[in-house]
Amino acid sequence: LGVVVGSEGMLGVVTEVTVRILPTPPGARALMIGFPSVEGA
């Protein structure tokens, strides 16, 4: 499975995928931070 994911369609044709679904975090906040240089960021 680890070989096939990321194999860019060169090993086979995927016809079905089983994915993990996760609990939505109870809360989330974002910080918007400005810097005087890209190096500082």
PDB file of all heavy atoms in Angstrom:
ATOM      1  N   LEU A   1       0.841  -1.195   0.000  1.00  0.00           N
ATOM      2  CA  LEU A   1       0.000   0.000   0.000  1.00  0.00           C
ATOM      3  C   LEU A   1       0.878   1.247   0.000  1.00  0.00           C
ATOM      4  O   LEU A   1       0.628   2.209  -0.740  1.00  0.00           O
ATOM      5  CB  LEU A   1      -0.924  -0.007   1.217  1.00  0.00           C
ATOM      6  CG  LEU A   1      -1.891   1.168   1.356  1.00  0.00           C
ATOM      7  CD1 LEU A   1      -2.846   1.230   0.176  1.00  0.00           C
ATOM      8  CD2 LEU A   1      -2.660   1.057   2.664  1.00  0.00           C
ATOM      9  N   GLY A   2       1.932   1.228   0.810  1.00  0.00           N
ATOM     10  CA  GLY A   2       2.858   2.351   0.845  1.00  0.00           C
ATOM     11  C   GLY A   2       3.600   2.541  -0.459  1.00  0.00           C
ATOM     12  O   GLY A   2       3.995   3.658  -0.815  1.00  0.00           O
ATOM     13  N   VAL A   3       3.791   1.453  -1.195  1.00  0.00           N
ATOM     14  CA  VAL A   3       4.455   1.529  -2.505  1.00  0.00           C
ATOM     15  C   VAL A   3       3.537   2.186  -3.532  1.00  0.00           C
ATOM     16  O   VAL A   3       3.956   3.028  -4.331  1.00  0.00           O
ATOM     17  CB  VAL A   3       4.866   0.120  -2.984  1.00  0.00           C
ATOM     18  CG1 VAL A   3       5.296   0.138  -4.452  1.00  0.00           C
ATOM     19  CG2 VAL A   3       6.001  -0.415  -2.119  1.00  0.00           C
ATOM     20  N   VAL A   4       2.268   1.831  -3.497  1.00  0.00           N
ATOM     21  CA  VAL A   4       1.336   2.301  -4.516  1.00  0.00           C
ATOM     22  C   VAL A   4       0.970   3.776  -4.323  1.00  0.00           C
ATOM     23  O   VAL A   4       0.864   4.533  -5.294  1.00  0.00           O
ATOM     24  CB  VAL A   4       0.069   1.418  -4.525  1.00  0.00           C
ATOM     25  CG1 VAL A   4      -1.010   2.031  -5.416  1.00  0.00           C
ATOM     26  CG2 VAL A   4       0.424   0.017  -5.001  1.00  0.00           C
ATOM     27  N   VAL A   5       0.797   4.213  -3.071  1.00  0.00           N
ATOM     28  CA  VAL A   5       0.468   5.620  -2.834  1.00  0.00           C
ATOM     29  C   VAL A   5       1.687   6.471  -3.209  1.00  0.00           C
ATOM     30  O   VAL A   5       2.764   6.302  -2.661  1.00  0.00           O
ATOM     31  CB  VAL A   5       0.075   5.873  -1.367  1.00  0.00           C
ATOM     32  CG1 VAL A   5      -0.181   7.364  -1.141  1.00  0.00           C
ATOM     33  CG2 VAL A   5      -1.158   5.068  -0.990  1.00  0.00           C
ATOM     34  N   GLY A   6       1.506   7.347  -4.174  1.00  0.00           N
ATOM     35  CA  GLY A   6       2.606   8.164  -4.668  1.00  0.00           C
ATOM     36  C   GLY A   6       3.312   7.570  -5.872  1.00  0.00           C
ATOM     37  O   GLY A   6       4.338   8.102  -6.308  1.00  0.00           O
ATOM     38  N   SER A   7       2.766   6.500  -6.458  1.00  0.00           N
ATOM     39  CA  SER A   7       3.435   5.842  -7.581  1.00  0.00           C
ATOM     40  C   SER A   7       3.075   6.447  -8.933  1.00  0.00           C
ATOM     41  O   SER A   7       3.496   5.954  -9.977  1.00  0.00           O
ATOM     42  CB  SER A   7       3.126   4.341  -7.578  1.00  0.00           C
ATOM     43  OG  SER A   7       1.735   4.111  -7.700  1.00  0.00           O
ATOM     44  N   GLU A   8       2.280   7.502  -8.950  1.00  0.00           N
ATOM     45  CA  GLU A   8       2.022   8.330 -10.130  1.00  0.00           C
ATOM     46  C   GLU A   8       1.426   7.553 -11.311  1.00  0.00           C
ATOM     47  O   GLU A   8       1.753   7.799 -12.468  1.00  0.00           O
ATOM     48  CB  GLU A   8       3.292   9.067 -10.554  1.00  0.00           C
ATOM     49  CG  GLU A   8       3.880   9.907  -9.424  1.00  0.00           C
ATOM     50  CD  GLU A   8       4.884  10.950  -9.881  1.00  0.00           C
ATOM     51  OE1 GLU A   8       4.762  11.438 -11.025  1.00  0.00           O
ATOM     52  OE2 GLU A   8       5.783  11.288  -9.097  1.00  0.00           O
ATOM     53  N   GLY A   9       0.540   6.588 -11.005  1.00  0.00           N
ATOM     54  CA  GLY A   9      -0.152   5.865 -12.067  1.00  0.00           C
ATOM     55  C   GLY A   9       0.728   4.934 -12.865  1.00  0.00           C
ATOM     56  O   GLY A   9       0.358   4.530 -13.978  1.00  0.00           O
ATOM     57  N   MET A  10       1.871   4.543 -12.312  1.00  0.00           N
ATOM     58  CA  MET A  10       2.821   3.715 -13.048  1.00  0.00           C
ATOM     59  C   MET A  10       2.780   2.244 -12.654  1.00  0.00           C
ATOM     60  O   MET A  10       3.454   1.423 -13.261  1.00  0.00           O
ATOM     61  CB  MET A  10       4.239   4.256 -12.855  1.00  0.00           C
ATOM     62  CG  MET A  10       4.408   5.680 -13.345  1.00  0.00           C
ATOM     63  SD  MET A  10       6.078   6.285 -13.129  1.00  0.00           S
ATOM     64  CE  MET A  10       6.965   5.326 -14.347  1.00  0.00           C
ATOM     65  N   LEU A  11       2.002   1.894 -11.625  1.00  0.00           N
ATOM     66  CA  LEU A  11       1.968   0.514 -11.143  1.00  0.00           C
ATOM     67  C   LEU A  11       0.618  -0.152 -11.359  1.00  0.00           C
ATOM     68  O   LEU A  11       0.527  -1.375 -11.394  1.00  0.00           O
ATOM     69  CB  LEU A  11       2.336   0.456  -9.657  1.00  0.00           C
ATOM     70  CG  LEU A  11       3.679   1.066  -9.249  1.00  0.00           C
ATOM     71  CD1 LEU A  11       3.932   0.860  -7.767  1.00  0.00           C
ATOM     72  CD2 LEU A  11       4.823   0.493 -10.077  1.00  0.00           C
ATOM     73  N   GLY A  12      -0.434   0.620 -11.473  1.00  0.00           N
ATOM     74  CA  GLY A  12      -1.766   0.070 -11.657  1.00  0.00           C
ATOM     75  C   GLY A  12      -2.788   1.190 -11.670  1.00  0.00           C
ATOM     76  O   GLY A  12      -2.449   2.363 -11.495  1.00  0.00           O
ATOM     77  N   VAL A  13      -4.042   0.832 -11.881  1.00  0.00           N
ATOM     78  CA  VAL A  13      -5.135   1.815 -11.922  1.00  0.00           C
ATOM     79  C   VAL A  13      -6.013   1.591 -10.696  1.00  0.00           C
ATOM     80  O   VAL A  13      -6.613   0.515 -10.535  1.00  0.00           O
ATOM     81  CB  VAL A  13      -5.955   1.676 -13.216  1.00  0.00           C
ATOM     82  CG1 VAL A  13      -7.140   2.649 -13.188  1.00  0.00           C
ATOM     83  CG2 VAL A  13      -5.076   1.942 -14.435  1.00  0.00           C
ATOM     84  N   VAL A  14      -6.085   2.586  -9.833  1.00  0.00           N
ATOM     85  CA  VAL A  14      -6.851   2.487  -8.590  1.00  0.00           C
ATOM     86  C   VAL A  14      -8.337   2.660  -8.891  1.00  0.00           C
ATOM     87  O   VAL A  14      -8.741   3.618  -9.564  1.00  0.00           O
ATOM     88  CB  VAL A  14      -6.367   3.546  -7.576  1.00  0.00           C
ATOM     89  CG1 VAL A  14      -7.270   3.565  -6.351  1.00  0.00           C
ATOM     90  CG2 VAL A  14      -4.918   3.262  -7.175  1.00  0.00           C
ATOM     91  N   THR A  15      -9.160   1.743  -8.392  1.00  0.00           N
ATOM     92  CA  THR A  15     -10.601   1.802  -8.629  1.00  0.00           C
ATOM     93  C   THR A  15     -11.423   1.984  -7.355  1.00  0.00           C
ATOM     94  O   THR A  15     -12.634   2.162  -7.419  1.00  0.00           O
ATOM     95  CB  THR A  15     -11.072   0.517  -9.342  1.00  0.00           C
ATOM     96  OG1 THR A  15     -10.593  -0.620  -8.624  1.00  0.00           O
ATOM     97  CG2 THR A  15     -10.536   0.473 -10.773  1.00  0.00           C
ATOM     98  N   GLU A  16     -10.769   1.916  -6.189  1.00  0.00           N
ATOM     99  CA  GLU A  16     -11.474   2.107  -4.923  1.00  0.00           C
ATOM    100  C   GLU A  16     -10.454   2.481  -3.858  1.00  0.00           C
ATOM    101  O   GLU A  16      -9.333   1.971  -3.864  1.00  0.00           O
ATOM    102  CB  GLU A  16     -12.186   0.814  -4.539  1.00  0.00           C
ATOM    103  CG  GLU A  16     -13.046   0.895  -3.285  1.00  0.00           C
ATOM    104  CD  GLU A  16     -13.692  -0.439  -2.976  1.00  0.00           C
ATOM    105  OE1 GLU A  16     -14.557  -0.882  -3.764  1.00  0.00           O
ATOM    106  OE2 GLU A  16     -13.306  -1.061  -1.971  1.00  0.00           O
ATOM    107  N   VAL A  17     -10.828   3.379  -2.963  1.00  0.00           N
ATOM    108  CA  VAL A  17      -9.911   3.853  -1.924  1.00  0.00           C
ATOM    109  C   VAL A  17     -10.641   3.870  -0.582  1.00  0.00           C
ATOM    110  O   VAL A  17     -11.774   4.357  -0.483  1.00  0.00           O
ATOM    111  CB  VAL A  17      -9.395   5.275  -2.240  1.00  0.00           C
ATOM    112  CG1 VAL A  17      -8.351   5.698  -1.200  1.00  0.00           C
ATOM    113  CG2 VAL A  17      -8.800   5.354  -3.639  1.00  0.00           C
ATOM    114  N   THR A  18      -9.978   3.347   0.451  1.00  0.00           N
ATOM    115  CA  THR A  18     -10.501   3.420   1.821  1.00  0.00           C
ATOM    116  C   THR A  18      -9.656   4.428   2.590  1.00  0.00           C
ATOM    117  O   THR A  18      -8.431   4.284   2.660  1.00  0.00           O
ATOM    118  CB  THR A  18     -10.448   2.062   2.523  1.00  0.00           C
ATOM    119  OG1 THR A  18     -11.180   1.107   1.744  1.00  0.00           O
ATOM    120  CG2 THR A  18     -11.054   2.145   3.913  1.00  0.00           C
ATOM    121  N   VAL A  19     -10.290   5.469   3.113  1.00  0.00           N
ATOM    122  CA  VAL A  19      -9.566   6.549   3.775  1.00  0.00           C
ATOM    123  C   VAL A  19      -9.963   6.648   5.245  1.00  0.00           C
ATOM    124  O   VAL A  19     -11.079   6.291   5.630  1.00  0.00           O
ATOM    125  CB  VAL A  19      -9.816   7.915   3.092  1.00  0.00           C
ATOM    126  CG1 VAL A  19      -9.364   7.890   1.645  1.00  0.00           C
ATOM    127  CG2 VAL A  19     -11.293   8.313   3.179  1.00  0.00           C
ATOM    128  N   ARG A  20      -9.022   7.136   6.048  1.00  0.00           N
ATOM    129  CA  ARG A  20      -9.315   7.443   7.456  1.00  0.00           C
ATOM    130  C   ARG A  20     -10.124   8.729   7.515  1.00  0.00           C
ATOM    131  O   ARG A  20      -9.849   9.685   6.779  1.00  0.00           O
ATOM    132  CB  ARG A  20      -8.031   7.664   8.238  1.00  0.00           C
ATOM    133  CG  ARG A  20      -7.108   6.490   8.339  1.00  0.00           C
ATOM    134  CD  ARG A  20      -5.785   6.929   8.955  1.00  0.00           C
ATOM    135  NE  ARG A  20      -5.962   7.464  10.304  1.00  0.00           N
ATOM    136  CZ  ARG A  20      -5.114   8.306  10.888  1.00  0.00           C
ATOM    137  NH1 ARG A  20      -4.051   8.749  10.239  1.00  0.00           N
ATOM    138  NH2 ARG A  20      -5.326   8.723  12.123  1.00  0.00           N
ATOM    139  N   ILE A  21     -11.094   8.776   8.390  1.00  0.00           N
ATOM    140  CA  ILE A  21     -11.780  10.038   8.675  1.00  0.00           C
ATOM    141  C   ILE A  21     -11.596  10.330  10.163  1.00  0.00           C
ATOM    142  O   ILE A  21     -11.660   9.428  10.996  1.00  0.00           O
ATOM    143  CB  ILE A  21     -13.269   9.996   8.270  1.00  0.00           C
ATOM    144  CG1 ILE A  21     -13.957   8.719   8.751  1.00  0.00           C
ATOM    145  CG2 ILE A  21     -13.408  10.128   6.765  1.00  0.00           C
ATOM    146  CD1 ILE A  21     -15.427   8.640   8.422  1.00  0.00           C
ATOM    147  N   LEU A  22     -11.331  11.577  10.475  1.00  0.00           N
ATOM    148  CA  LEU A  22     -10.935  11.968  11.824  1.00  0.00           C
ATOM    149  C   LEU A  22     -12.000  12.831  12.487  1.00  0.00           C
ATOM    150  O   LEU A  22     -12.771  13.526  11.802  1.00  0.00           O
ATOM    151  CB  LEU A  22      -9.626  12.752  11.768  1.00  0.00           C
ATOM    152  CG  LEU A  22      -8.428  12.077  11.102  1.00  0.00           C
ATOM    153  CD1 LEU A  22      -7.236  13.022  11.087  1.00  0.00           C
ATOM    154  CD2 LEU A  22      -8.086  10.784  11.821  1.00  0.00           C
ATOM    155  N   PRO A  23     -12.033  12.839  13.813  1.00  0.00           N
ATOM    156  CA  PRO A  23     -12.945  13.751  14.521  1.00  0.00           C
ATOM    157  C   PRO A  23     -12.537  15.203  14.272  1.00  0.00           C
ATOM    158  O   PRO A  23     -11.347  15.534  14.326  1.00  0.00           O
ATOM    159  CB  PRO A  23     -12.749  13.379  15.994  1.00  0.00           C
ATOM    160  CG  PRO A  23     -12.113  12.028  15.992  1.00  0.00           C
ATOM    161  CD  PRO A  23     -11.296  11.965  14.745  1.00  0.00           C
ATOM    162  N   THR A  24     -13.490  16.037  13.985  1.00  0.00           N
ATOM    163  CA  THR A  24     -13.203  17.461  13.839  1.00  0.00           C
ATOM    164  C   THR A  24     -12.724  18.015  15.174  1.00  0.00           C
ATOM    165  O   THR A  24     -13.360  17.771  16.206  1.00  0.00           O
ATOM    166  CB  THR A  24     -14.466  18.217  13.381  1.00  0.00           C
ATOM    167  OG1 THR A  24     -14.948  17.626  12.172  1.00  0.00           O
ATOM    168  CG2 THR A  24     -14.163  19.685  13.157  1.00  0.00           C
ATOM    169  N   PRO A  25     -11.593  18.724  15.206  1.00  0.00           N
ATOM    170  CA  PRO A  25     -11.100  19.267  16.480  1.00  0.00           C
ATOM    171  C   PRO A  25     -12.172  20.127  17.159  1.00  0.00           C
ATOM    172  O   PRO A  25     -12.933  20.835  16.478  1.00  0.00           O
ATOM    173  CB  PRO A  25      -9.893  20.121  16.060  1.00  0.00           C
ATOM    174  CG  PRO A  25      -9.444  19.524  14.770  1.00  0.00           C
ATOM    175  CD  PRO A  25     -10.695  19.069  14.079  1.00  0.00           C
ATOM    176  N   PRO A  26     -12.254  20.089  18.483  1.00  0.00           N
ATOM    177  CA  PRO A  26     -13.297  20.852  19.183  1.00  0.00           C
ATOM    178  C   PRO A  26     -13.176  22.354  18.991  1.00  0.00           C
ATOM    179  O   PRO A  26     -14.158  23.089  19.118  1.00  0.00           O
ATOM    180  CB  PRO A  26     -13.100  20.457  20.654  1.00  0.00           C
ATOM    181  CG  PRO A  26     -11.709  19.907  20.737  1.00  0.00           C
ATOM    182  CD  PRO A  26     -11.433  19.296  19.413  1.00  0.00           C
ATOM    183  N   GLY A  27     -11.986  22.813  18.707  1.00  0.00           N
ATOM    184  CA  GLY A  27     -11.789  24.237  18.479  1.00  0.00           C
ATOM    185  C   GLY A  27     -10.541  24.481  17.660  1.00  0.00           C
ATOM    186  O   GLY A  27      -9.629  23.653  17.637  1.00  0.00           O
ATOM    187  N   ALA A  28     -10.504  25.602  16.981  1.00  0.00           N
ATOM    188  CA  ALA A  28      -9.327  25.971  16.194  1.00  0.00           C
ATOM    189  C   ALA A  28      -9.297  27.486  16.027  1.00  0.00           C
ATOM    190  O   ALA A  28     -10.341  28.119  15.826  1.00  0.00           O
ATOM    191  CB  ALA A  28      -9.352  25.296  14.829  1.00  0.00           C
ATOM    192  N   ARG A  29      -8.106  28.056  16.170  1.00  0.00           N
ATOM    193  CA  ARG A  29      -7.915  29.486  15.927  1.00  0.00           C
ATOM    194  C   ARG A  29      -6.648  29.665  15.096  1.00  0.00           C
ATOM    195  O   ARG A  29      -5.746  28.823  15.127  1.00  0.00           O
ATOM    196  CB  ARG A  29      -7.793  30.256  17.243  1.00  0.00           C
ATOM    197  CG  ARG A  29      -9.081  30.257  18.064  1.00  0.00           C
ATOM    198  CD  ARG A  29      -8.870  30.912  19.415  1.00  0.00           C
ATOM    199  NE  ARG A  29      -8.563  32.336  19.298  1.00  0.00           N
ATOM    200  CZ  ARG A  29      -8.115  33.088  20.300  1.00  0.00           C
ATOM    201  NH1 ARG A  29      -7.893  32.533  21.487  1.00  0.00           N
ATOM    202  NH2 ARG A  29      -7.879  34.366  20.122  1.00  0.00           N
ATOM    203  N   ALA A  30      -6.604  30.747  14.376  1.00  0.00           N
ATOM    204  CA  ALA A  30      -5.451  31.010  13.513  1.00  0.00           C
ATOM    205  C   ALA A  30      -4.786  32.318  13.909  1.00  0.00           C
ATOM    206  O   ALA A  30      -5.453  33.287  14.295  1.00  0.00           O
ATOM    207  CB  ALA A  30      -5.890  31.074  12.053  1.00  0.00           C
ATOM    208  N   LEU A  31      -3.478  32.330  13.827  1.00  0.00           N
ATOM    209  CA  LEU A  31      -2.683  33.538  14.035  1.00  0.00           C
ATOM    210  C   LEU A  31      -2.183  34.040  12.690  1.00  0.00           C
ATOM    211  O   LEU A  31      -1.678  33.254  11.881  1.00  0.00           O
ATOM    212  CB  LEU A  31      -1.481  33.249  14.937  1.00  0.00           C
ATOM    213  CG  LEU A  31      -1.735  33.097  16.434  1.00  0.00           C
ATOM    214  CD1 LEU A  31      -0.520  32.480  17.097  1.00  0.00           C
ATOM    215  CD2 LEU A  31      -2.047  34.454  17.056  1.00  0.00           C
ATOM    216  N   MET A  32      -2.307  35.333  12.457  1.00  0.00           N
ATOM    217  CA  MET A  32      -1.800  35.967  11.243  1.00  0.00           C
ATOM    218  C   MET A  32      -0.639  36.869  11.669  1.00  0.00           C
ATOM    219  O   MET A  32      -0.838  37.873  12.362  1.00  0.00           O
ATOM    220  CB  MET A  32      -2.917  36.776  10.579  1.00  0.00           C
ATOM    221  CG  MET A  32      -2.551  37.379   9.247  1.00  0.00           C
ATOM    222  SD  MET A  32      -4.024  37.992   8.386  1.00  0.00           S
ATOM    223  CE  MET A  32      -4.591  39.271   9.500  1.00  0.00           C
ATOM    224  N   ILE A  33       0.582  36.480  11.281  1.00  0.00           N
ATOM    225  CA  ILE A  33       1.786  37.132  11.811  1.00  0.00           C
ATOM    226  C   ILE A  33       2.590  37.730  10.662  1.00  0.00           C
ATOM    227  O   ILE A  33       2.961  37.024   9.715  1.00  0.00           O
ATOM    228  CB  ILE A  33       2.666  36.129  12.591  1.00  0.00           C
ATOM    229  CG1 ILE A  33       1.822  35.348  13.602  1.00  0.00           C
ATOM    230  CG2 ILE A  33       3.805  36.847  13.281  1.00  0.00           C
ATOM    231  CD1 ILE A  33       2.553  34.173  14.226  1.00  0.00           C
ATOM    232  N   GLY A  34       2.863  39.023  10.735  1.00  0.00           N
ATOM    233  CA  GLY A  34       3.660  39.692   9.711  1.00  0.00           C
ATOM    234  C   GLY A  34       5.106  39.853  10.140  1.00  0.00           C
ATOM    235  O   GLY A  34       5.396  40.070  11.325  1.00  0.00           O
ATOM    236  N   PHE A  35       6.030  39.731   9.179  1.00  0.00           N
ATOM    237  CA  PHE A  35       7.461  39.851   9.456  1.00  0.00           C
ATOM    238  C   PHE A  35       8.112  40.830   8.485  1.00  0.00           C
ATOM    239  O   PHE A  35       7.668  40.960   7.333  1.00  0.00           O
ATOM    240  CB  PHE A  35       8.151  38.490   9.315  1.00  0.00           C
ATOM    241  CG  PHE A  35       7.819  37.512  10.408  1.00  0.00           C
ATOM    242  CD1 PHE A  35       6.713  36.678  10.302  1.00  0.00           C
ATOM    243  CD2 PHE A  35       8.605  37.438  11.549  1.00  0.00           C
ATOM    244  CE1 PHE A  35       6.398  35.792  11.302  1.00  0.00           C
ATOM    245  CE2 PHE A  35       8.295  36.549  12.569  1.00  0.00           C
ATOM    246  CZ  PHE A  35       7.191  35.722  12.448  1.00  0.00           C
ATOM    247  N   PRO A  36       9.174  41.494   8.924  1.00  0.00           N
ATOM    248  CA  PRO A  36       9.873  42.430   8.034  1.00  0.00           C
ATOM    249  C   PRO A  36      10.770  41.735   7.019  1.00  0.00           C
ATOM    250  O   PRO A  36      11.319  42.389   6.131  1.00  0.00           O
ATOM    251  CB  PRO A  36      10.711  43.274   9.006  1.00  0.00           C
ATOM    252  CG  PRO A  36      10.956  42.371  10.179  1.00  0.00           C
ATOM    253  CD  PRO A  36       9.727  41.532  10.302  1.00  0.00           C
ATOM    254  N   SER A  37      10.919  40.408   7.125  1.00  0.00           N
ATOM    255  CA  SER A  37      11.731  39.659   6.162  1.00  0.00           C
ATOM    256  C   SER A  37      11.230  38.229   6.072  1.00  0.00           C
ATOM    257  O   SER A  37      10.676  37.683   7.048  1.00  0.00           O
ATOM    258  CB  SER A  37      13.212  39.650   6.575  1.00  0.00           C
ATOM    259  OG  SER A  37      13.396  38.852   7.729  1.00  0.00           O
ATOM    260  N   VAL A  38      11.435  37.606   4.905  1.00  0.00           N
ATOM    261  CA  VAL A  38      11.034  36.212   4.749  1.00  0.00           C
ATOM    262  C   VAL A  38      11.934  35.307   5.592  1.00  0.00           C
ATOM    263  O   VAL A  38      11.496  34.244   6.063  1.00  0.00           O
ATOM    264  CB  VAL A  38      11.074  35.782   3.269  1.00  0.00           C
ATOM    265  CG1 VAL A  38       9.951  36.424   2.493  1.00  0.00           C
ATOM    266  CG2 VAL A  38      12.417  36.088   2.624  1.00  0.00           C
ATOM    267  N   GLU A  39      13.173  35.741   5.793  1.00  0.00           N
ATOM    268  CA  GLU A  39      14.081  34.947   6.621  1.00  0.00           C
ATOM    269  C   GLU A  39      13.564  34.867   8.061  1.00  0.00           C
ATOM    270  O   GLU A  39      13.620  33.808   8.698  1.00  0.00           O
ATOM    271  CB  GLU A  39      15.492  35.537   6.609  1.00  0.00           C
ATOM    272  CG  GLU A  39      16.183  35.523   5.253  1.00  0.00           C
ATOM    273  CD  GLU A  39      15.735  36.666   4.355  1.00  0.00           C
ATOM    274  OE1 GLU A  39      15.186  37.659   4.872  1.00  0.00           O
ATOM    275  OE2 GLU A  39      15.920  36.550   3.130  1.00  0.00           O
ATOM    276  N   GLY A  40      13.048  35.991   8.569  1.00  0.00           N
ATOM    277  CA  GLY A  40      12.504  36.011   9.919  1.00  0.00           C
ATOM    278  C   GLY A  40      11.318  35.079  10.058  1.00  0.00           C
ATOM    279  O   GLY A  40      11.177  34.362  11.059  1.00  0.00           O
ATOM    280  N   ALA A  41      10.455  35.059   9.037  1.00  0.00           N
ATOM    281  CA  ALA A  41       9.296  34.158   9.069  1.00  0.00           C
ATOM    282  C   ALA A  41       9.748  32.697   9.050  1.00  0.00           C
ATOM    283  O   ALA A  41       9.218  31.861   9.783  1.00  0.00           O
ATOM    284  CB  ALA A  41       8.383  34.446   7.879  1.00  0.00           C
TER     285      ALA A  41
END
